[in-house]
Amino acid sequence: MAKDKPDVARLVDEAAKAIGLPIAPEYRPNVILNYERAMAIVQPLLEVELDDELTPAPVYRP
């Protein structure tokens, strides 16, 4: 993710259009706000450097 702040309103509009999800005008500001919150929550996870040699854990099957 780029260090510049993304145009969240445009991201929301384009994502909604891509999946055919209409967003009522009265809900759009809160959708944008929640998208910004989600981005803030995930940012520390995206900054974690992972070793390319890591292997996934085996799948548990009871």
PDB file of N, CA and C in Angstrom:
ATOM      1  N   MET A   1       0.859  -1.177   0.000  1.00  0.00           N
ATOM      2  CA  MET A   1       0.000   0.000   0.000  1.00  0.00           C
ATOM      3  C   MET A   1       0.897   1.230   0.000  1.00  0.00           C
ATOM      4  N   ALA A   2       0.543   2.164  -0.814  1.00  0.00           N
ATOM      5  CA  ALA A   2       1.336   3.379  -0.905  1.00  0.00           C
ATOM      6  C   ALA A   2       1.225   4.179   0.386  1.00  0.00           C
ATOM      7  N   LYS A   3       2.249   4.947   0.661  1.00  0.00           N
ATOM      8  CA  LYS A   3       2.250   5.771   1.866  1.00  0.00           C
ATOM      9  C   LYS A   3       1.292   6.951   1.750  1.00  0.00           C
ATOM     10  N   ASP A   4       0.975   7.355   0.500  1.00  0.00           N
ATOM     11  CA  ASP A   4       0.016   8.440   0.310  1.00  0.00           C
ATOM     12  C   ASP A   4      -1.374   7.947   0.679  1.00  0.00           C
ATOM     13  N   LYS A   5      -2.185   8.853   1.208  1.00  0.00           N
ATOM     14  CA  LYS A   5      -3.539   8.476   1.590  1.00  0.00           C
ATOM     15  C   LYS A   5      -4.359   8.212   0.330  1.00  0.00           C
ATOM     16  N   PRO A   6      -4.954   7.027   0.255  1.00  0.00           N
ATOM     17  CA  PRO A   6      -5.751   6.708  -0.939  1.00  0.00           C
ATOM     18  C   PRO A   6      -7.060   7.488  -0.959  1.00  0.00           C
ATOM     19  N   ASP A   7      -7.637   7.587  -2.121  1.00  0.00           N
ATOM     20  CA  ASP A   7      -8.938   8.235  -2.295  1.00  0.00           C
ATOM     21  C   ASP A   7      -9.999   7.204  -1.922  1.00  0.00           C
ATOM     22  N   VAL A   8     -10.342   7.161  -0.632  1.00  0.00           N
ATOM     23  CA  VAL A   8     -11.245   6.139  -0.115  1.00  0.00           C
ATOM     24  C   VAL A   8     -12.623   6.252  -0.745  1.00  0.00           C
ATOM     25  N   ALA A   9     -13.100   7.452  -0.961  1.00  0.00           N
ATOM     26  CA  ALA A   9     -14.416   7.622  -1.577  1.00  0.00           C
ATOM     27  C   ALA A   9     -14.452   6.967  -2.951  1.00  0.00           C
ATOM     28  N   ARG A  10     -13.403   7.140  -3.705  1.00  0.00           N
ATOM     29  CA  ARG A  10     -13.345   6.529  -5.035  1.00  0.00           C
ATOM     30  C   ARG A  10     -13.234   5.010  -4.923  1.00  0.00           C
ATOM     31  N   LEU A  11     -12.438   4.530  -3.963  1.00  0.00           N
ATOM     32  CA  LEU A  11     -12.336   3.082  -3.755  1.00  0.00           C
ATOM     33  C   LEU A  11     -13.700   2.475  -3.445  1.00  0.00           C
ATOM     34  N   VAL A  12     -14.435   3.116  -2.558  1.00  0.00           N
ATOM     35  CA  VAL A  12     -15.769   2.629  -2.189  1.00  0.00           C
ATOM     36  C   VAL A  12     -16.685   2.640  -3.407  1.00  0.00           C
ATOM     37  N   ASP A  13     -16.688   3.734  -4.145  1.00  0.00           N
ATOM     38  CA  ASP A  13     -17.559   3.840  -5.321  1.00  0.00           C
ATOM     39  C   ASP A  13     -17.225   2.783  -6.366  1.00  0.00           C
ATOM     40  N   GLU A  14     -15.939   2.596  -6.646  1.00  0.00           N
ATOM     41  CA  GLU A  14     -15.526   1.629  -7.664  1.00  0.00           C
ATOM     42  C   GLU A  14     -15.776   0.194  -7.217  1.00  0.00           C
ATOM     43  N   ALA A  15     -15.537  -0.101  -5.943  1.00  0.00           N
ATOM     44  CA  ALA A  15     -15.791  -1.454  -5.436  1.00  0.00           C
ATOM     45  C   ALA A  15     -17.283  -1.760  -5.487  1.00  0.00           C
ATOM     46  N   ALA A  16     -18.098  -0.812  -5.089  1.00  0.00           N
ATOM     47  CA  ALA A  16     -19.550  -1.013  -5.126  1.00  0.00           C
ATOM     48  C   ALA A  16     -20.022  -1.241  -6.554  1.00  0.00           C
ATOM     49  N   LYS A  17     -19.475  -0.471  -7.470  1.00  0.00           N
ATOM     50  CA  LYS A  17     -19.845  -0.625  -8.878  1.00  0.00           C
ATOM     51  C   LYS A  17     -19.400  -1.988  -9.404  1.00  0.00           C
ATOM     52  N   ALA A  18     -18.204  -2.428  -9.009  1.00  0.00           N
ATOM     53  CA  ALA A  18     -17.663  -3.695  -9.499  1.00  0.00           C
ATOM     54  C   ALA A  18     -18.497  -4.891  -9.068  1.00  0.00           C
ATOM     55  N   ILE A  19     -19.078  -4.827  -7.875  1.00  0.00           N
ATOM     56  CA  ILE A  19     -19.870  -5.963  -7.401  1.00  0.00           C
ATOM     57  C   ILE A  19     -21.373  -5.725  -7.535  1.00  0.00           C
ATOM     58  N   GLY A  20     -21.739  -4.597  -8.126  1.00  0.00           N
ATOM     59  CA  GLY A  20     -23.150  -4.302  -8.343  1.00  0.00           C
ATOM     60  C   GLY A  20     -23.918  -4.003  -7.071  1.00  0.00           C
ATOM     61  N   LEU A  21     -23.259  -3.357  -6.129  1.00  0.00           N
ATOM     62  CA  LEU A  21     -23.876  -3.041  -4.847  1.00  0.00           C
ATOM     63  C   LEU A  21     -24.233  -1.558  -4.798  1.00  0.00           C
ATOM     64  N   PRO A  22     -25.506  -1.243  -4.854  1.00  0.00           N
ATOM     65  CA  PRO A  22     -25.873   0.170  -4.747  1.00  0.00           C
ATOM     66  C   PRO A  22     -25.711   0.657  -3.301  1.00  0.00           C
ATOM     67  N   ILE A  23     -25.159   1.833  -3.139  1.00  0.00           N
ATOM     68  CA  ILE A  23     -25.017   2.445  -1.818  1.00  0.00           C
ATOM     69  C   ILE A  23     -25.883   3.694  -1.811  1.00  0.00           C
ATOM     70  N   ALA A  24     -26.858   3.705  -0.924  1.00  0.00           N
ATOM     71  CA  ALA A  24     -27.755   4.855  -0.825  1.00  0.00           C
ATOM     72  C   ALA A  24     -26.946   6.083  -0.408  1.00  0.00           C
ATOM     73  N   PRO A  25     -27.253   7.233  -0.969  1.00  0.00           N
ATOM     74  CA  PRO A  25     -26.491   8.451  -0.659  1.00  0.00           C
ATOM     75  C   PRO A  25     -26.397   8.756   0.836  1.00  0.00           C
ATOM     76  N   GLU A  26     -27.438   8.449   1.588  1.00  0.00           N
ATOM     77  CA  GLU A  26     -27.391   8.750   3.029  1.00  0.00           C
ATOM     78  C   GLU A  26     -26.460   7.811   3.795  1.00  0.00           C
ATOM     79  N   TYR A  27     -26.106   6.655   3.203  1.00  0.00           N
ATOM     80  CA  TYR A  27     -25.200   5.705   3.871  1.00  0.00           C
ATOM     81  C   TYR A  27     -23.755   5.837   3.399  1.00  0.00           C
ATOM     82  N   ARG A  28     -23.535   6.469   2.263  1.00  0.00           N
ATOM     83  CA  ARG A  28     -22.193   6.553   1.675  1.00  0.00           C
ATOM     84  C   ARG A  28     -21.144   7.143   2.627  1.00  0.00           C
ATOM     85  N   PRO A  29     -21.410   8.242   3.342  1.00  0.00           N
ATOM     86  CA  PRO A  29     -20.376   8.771   4.250  1.00  0.00           C
ATOM     87  C   PRO A  29     -19.955   7.771   5.331  1.00  0.00           C
ATOM     88  N   ASN A  30     -20.914   6.995   5.853  1.00  0.00           N
ATOM     89  CA  ASN A  30     -20.558   6.009   6.871  1.00  0.00           C
ATOM     90  C   ASN A  30     -19.838   4.806   6.281  1.00  0.00           C
ATOM     91  N   VAL A  31     -20.156   4.434   5.045  1.00  0.00           N
ATOM     92  CA  VAL A  31     -19.425   3.358   4.380  1.00  0.00           C
ATOM     93  C   VAL A  31     -17.971   3.775   4.201  1.00  0.00           C
ATOM     94  N   ILE A  32     -17.756   5.001   3.787  1.00  0.00           N
ATOM     95  CA  ILE A  32     -16.397   5.519   3.614  1.00  0.00           C
ATOM     96  C   ILE A  32     -15.673   5.550   4.953  1.00  0.00           C
ATOM     97  N   LEU A  33     -16.335   6.011   6.000  1.00  0.00           N
ATOM     98  CA  LEU A  33     -15.743   6.051   7.331  1.00  0.00           C
ATOM     99  C   LEU A  33     -15.344   4.654   7.798  1.00  0.00           C
ATOM    100  N   ASN A  34     -16.210   3.668   7.610  1.00  0.00           N
ATOM    101  CA  ASN A  34     -15.892   2.306   8.024  1.00  0.00           C
ATOM    102  C   ASN A  34     -14.752   1.713   7.206  1.00  0.00           C
ATOM    103  N   TYR A  35     -14.674   2.043   5.937  1.00  0.00           N
ATOM    104  CA  TYR A  35     -13.566   1.581   5.096  1.00  0.00           C
ATOM    105  C   TYR A  35     -12.250   2.175   5.610  1.00  0.00           C
ATOM    106  N   GLU A  36     -12.265   3.457   5.963  1.00  0.00           N
ATOM    107  CA  GLU A  36     -11.059   4.091   6.516  1.00  0.00           C
ATOM    108  C   GLU A  36     -10.661   3.436   7.833  1.00  0.00           C
ATOM    109  N   ARG A  37     -11.635   3.113   8.669  1.00  0.00           N
ATOM    110  CA  ARG A  37     -11.343   2.440   9.936  1.00  0.00           C
ATOM    111  C   ARG A  37     -10.728   1.064   9.693  1.00  0.00           C
ATOM    112  N   ALA A  38     -11.285   0.326   8.751  1.00  0.00           N
ATOM    113  CA  ALA A  38     -10.748  -0.993   8.427  1.00  0.00           C
ATOM    114  C   ALA A  38      -9.302  -0.886   7.936  1.00  0.00           C
ATOM    115  N   MET A  39      -9.023   0.120   7.135  1.00  0.00           N
ATOM    116  CA  MET A  39      -7.660   0.324   6.643  1.00  0.00           C
ATOM    117  C   MET A  39      -6.704   0.634   7.796  1.00  0.00           C
ATOM    118  N   ALA A  40      -7.158   1.418   8.770  1.00  0.00           N
ATOM    119  CA  ALA A  40      -6.315   1.747   9.923  1.00  0.00           C
ATOM    120  C   ALA A  40      -6.046   0.511  10.774  1.00  0.00           C
ATOM    121  N   ILE A  41      -7.047  -0.359  10.897  1.00  0.00           N
ATOM    122  CA  ILE A  41      -6.879  -1.573  11.697  1.00  0.00           C
ATOM    123  C   ILE A  41      -5.898  -2.526  11.036  1.00  0.00           C
ATOM    124  N   VAL A  42      -5.975  -2.673   9.731  1.00  0.00           N
ATOM    125  CA  VAL A  42      -5.155  -3.649   9.028  1.00  0.00           C
ATOM    126  C   VAL A  42      -3.724  -3.154   8.759  1.00  0.00           C
ATOM    127  N   GLN A  43      -3.492  -1.861   8.824  1.00  0.00           N
ATOM    128  CA  GLN A  43      -2.186  -1.301   8.477  1.00  0.00           C
ATOM    129  C   GLN A  43      -1.016  -1.931   9.231  1.00  0.00           C
ATOM    130  N   PRO A  44      -1.087  -2.126  10.557  1.00  0.00           N
ATOM    131  CA  PRO A  44       0.044  -2.766  11.246  1.00  0.00           C
ATOM    132  C   PRO A  44       0.325  -4.183  10.733  1.00  0.00           C
ATOM    133  N   LEU A  45      -0.717  -4.911  10.370  1.00  0.00           N
ATOM    134  CA  LEU A  45      -0.526  -6.256   9.835  1.00  0.00           C
ATOM    135  C   LEU A  45       0.174  -6.215   8.482  1.00  0.00           C
ATOM    136  N   LEU A  46      -0.183  -5.254   7.655  1.00  0.00           N
ATOM    137  CA  LEU A  46       0.431  -5.143   6.344  1.00  0.00           C
ATOM    138  C   LEU A  46       1.902  -4.745   6.413  1.00  0.00           C
ATOM    139  N   GLU A  47       2.314  -4.146   7.519  1.00  0.00           N
ATOM    140  CA  GLU A  47       3.690  -3.708   7.665  1.00  0.00           C
ATOM    141  C   GLU A  47       4.614  -4.805   8.194  1.00  0.00           C
ATOM    142  N   VAL A  48       4.069  -5.949   8.586  1.00  0.00           N
ATOM    143  CA  VAL A  48       4.881  -7.058   9.089  1.00  0.00           C
ATOM    144  C   VAL A  48       5.616  -7.703   7.922  1.00  0.00           C
ATOM    145  N   GLU A  49       6.931  -7.792   8.067  1.00  0.00           N
ATOM    146  CA  GLU A  49       7.744  -8.434   7.041  1.00  0.00           C
ATOM    147  C   GLU A  49       7.747  -9.944   7.282  1.00  0.00           C
ATOM    148  N   LEU A  50       7.391 -10.706   6.263  1.00  0.00           N
ATOM    149  CA  LEU A  50       7.389 -12.156   6.366  1.00  0.00           C
ATOM    150  C   LEU A  50       8.529 -12.737   5.553  1.00  0.00           C
ATOM    151  N   ASP A  51       9.131 -13.784   6.090  1.00  0.00           N
ATOM    152  CA  ASP A  51      10.214 -14.471   5.404  1.00  0.00           C
ATOM    153  C   ASP A  51       9.634 -15.276   4.248  1.00  0.00           C
ATOM    154  N   ASP A  52      10.254 -15.192   3.087  1.00  0.00           N
ATOM    155  CA  ASP A  52       9.772 -15.921   1.922  1.00  0.00           C
ATOM    156  C   ASP A  52       9.876 -17.434   2.103  1.00  0.00           C
ATOM    157  N   GLU A  53      10.699 -17.878   3.041  1.00  0.00           N
ATOM    158  CA  GLU A  53      10.911 -19.307   3.254  1.00  0.00           C
ATOM    159  C   GLU A  53       9.918 -19.917   4.237  1.00  0.00           C
ATOM    160  N   LEU A  54       9.014 -19.133   4.783  1.00  0.00           N
ATOM    161  CA  LEU A  54       8.042 -19.672   5.726  1.00  0.00           C
ATOM    162  C   LEU A  54       7.119 -20.658   5.030  1.00  0.00           C
ATOM    163  N   THR A  55       6.760 -21.716   5.747  1.00  0.00           N
ATOM    164  CA  THR A  55       5.816 -22.672   5.201  1.00  0.00           C
ATOM    165  C   THR A  55       4.553 -22.643   6.056  1.00  0.00           C
ATOM    166  N   PRO A  56       3.419 -22.844   5.445  1.00  0.00           N
ATOM    167  CA  PRO A  56       2.170 -22.808   6.209  1.00  0.00           C
ATOM    168  C   PRO A  56       2.059 -23.999   7.141  1.00  0.00           C
ATOM    169  N   ALA A  57       1.307 -23.841   8.178  1.00  0.00           N
ATOM    170  CA  ALA A  57       1.062 -24.934   9.112  1.00  0.00           C
ATOM    171  C   ALA A  57       0.224 -25.996   8.419  1.00  0.00           C
ATOM    172  N   PRO A  58       0.362 -27.244   8.851  1.00  0.00           N
ATOM    173  CA  PRO A  58      -0.467 -28.288   8.256  1.00  0.00           C
ATOM    174  C   PRO A  58      -1.946 -28.075   8.582  1.00  0.00           C
ATOM    175  N   VAL A  59      -2.781 -28.616   7.766  1.00  0.00           N
ATOM    176  CA  VAL A  59      -4.227 -28.503   7.962  1.00  0.00           C
ATOM    177  C   VAL A  59      -4.653 -29.527   8.995  1.00  0.00           C
ATOM    178  N   TYR A  60      -5.415 -29.075   9.986  1.00  0.00           N
ATOM    179  CA  TYR A  60      -5.923 -29.986  11.011  1.00  0.00           C
ATOM    180  C   TYR A  60      -7.153 -30.695  10.482  1.00  0.00           C
ATOM    181  N   ARG A  61      -7.126 -31.992  10.552  1.00  0.00           N
ATOM    182  CA  ARG A  61      -8.286 -32.801  10.166  1.00  0.00           C
ATOM    183  C   ARG A  61      -8.594 -33.762  11.300  1.00  0.00           C
ATOM    184  N   PRO A  62      -9.755 -33.586  11.949  1.00  0.00           N
ATOM    185  CA  PRO A  62     -10.088 -34.457  13.085  1.00  0.00           C
ATOM    186  C   PRO A  62     -10.359 -35.892  12.659  1.00  0.00           C
TER     187      PRO A  62
END
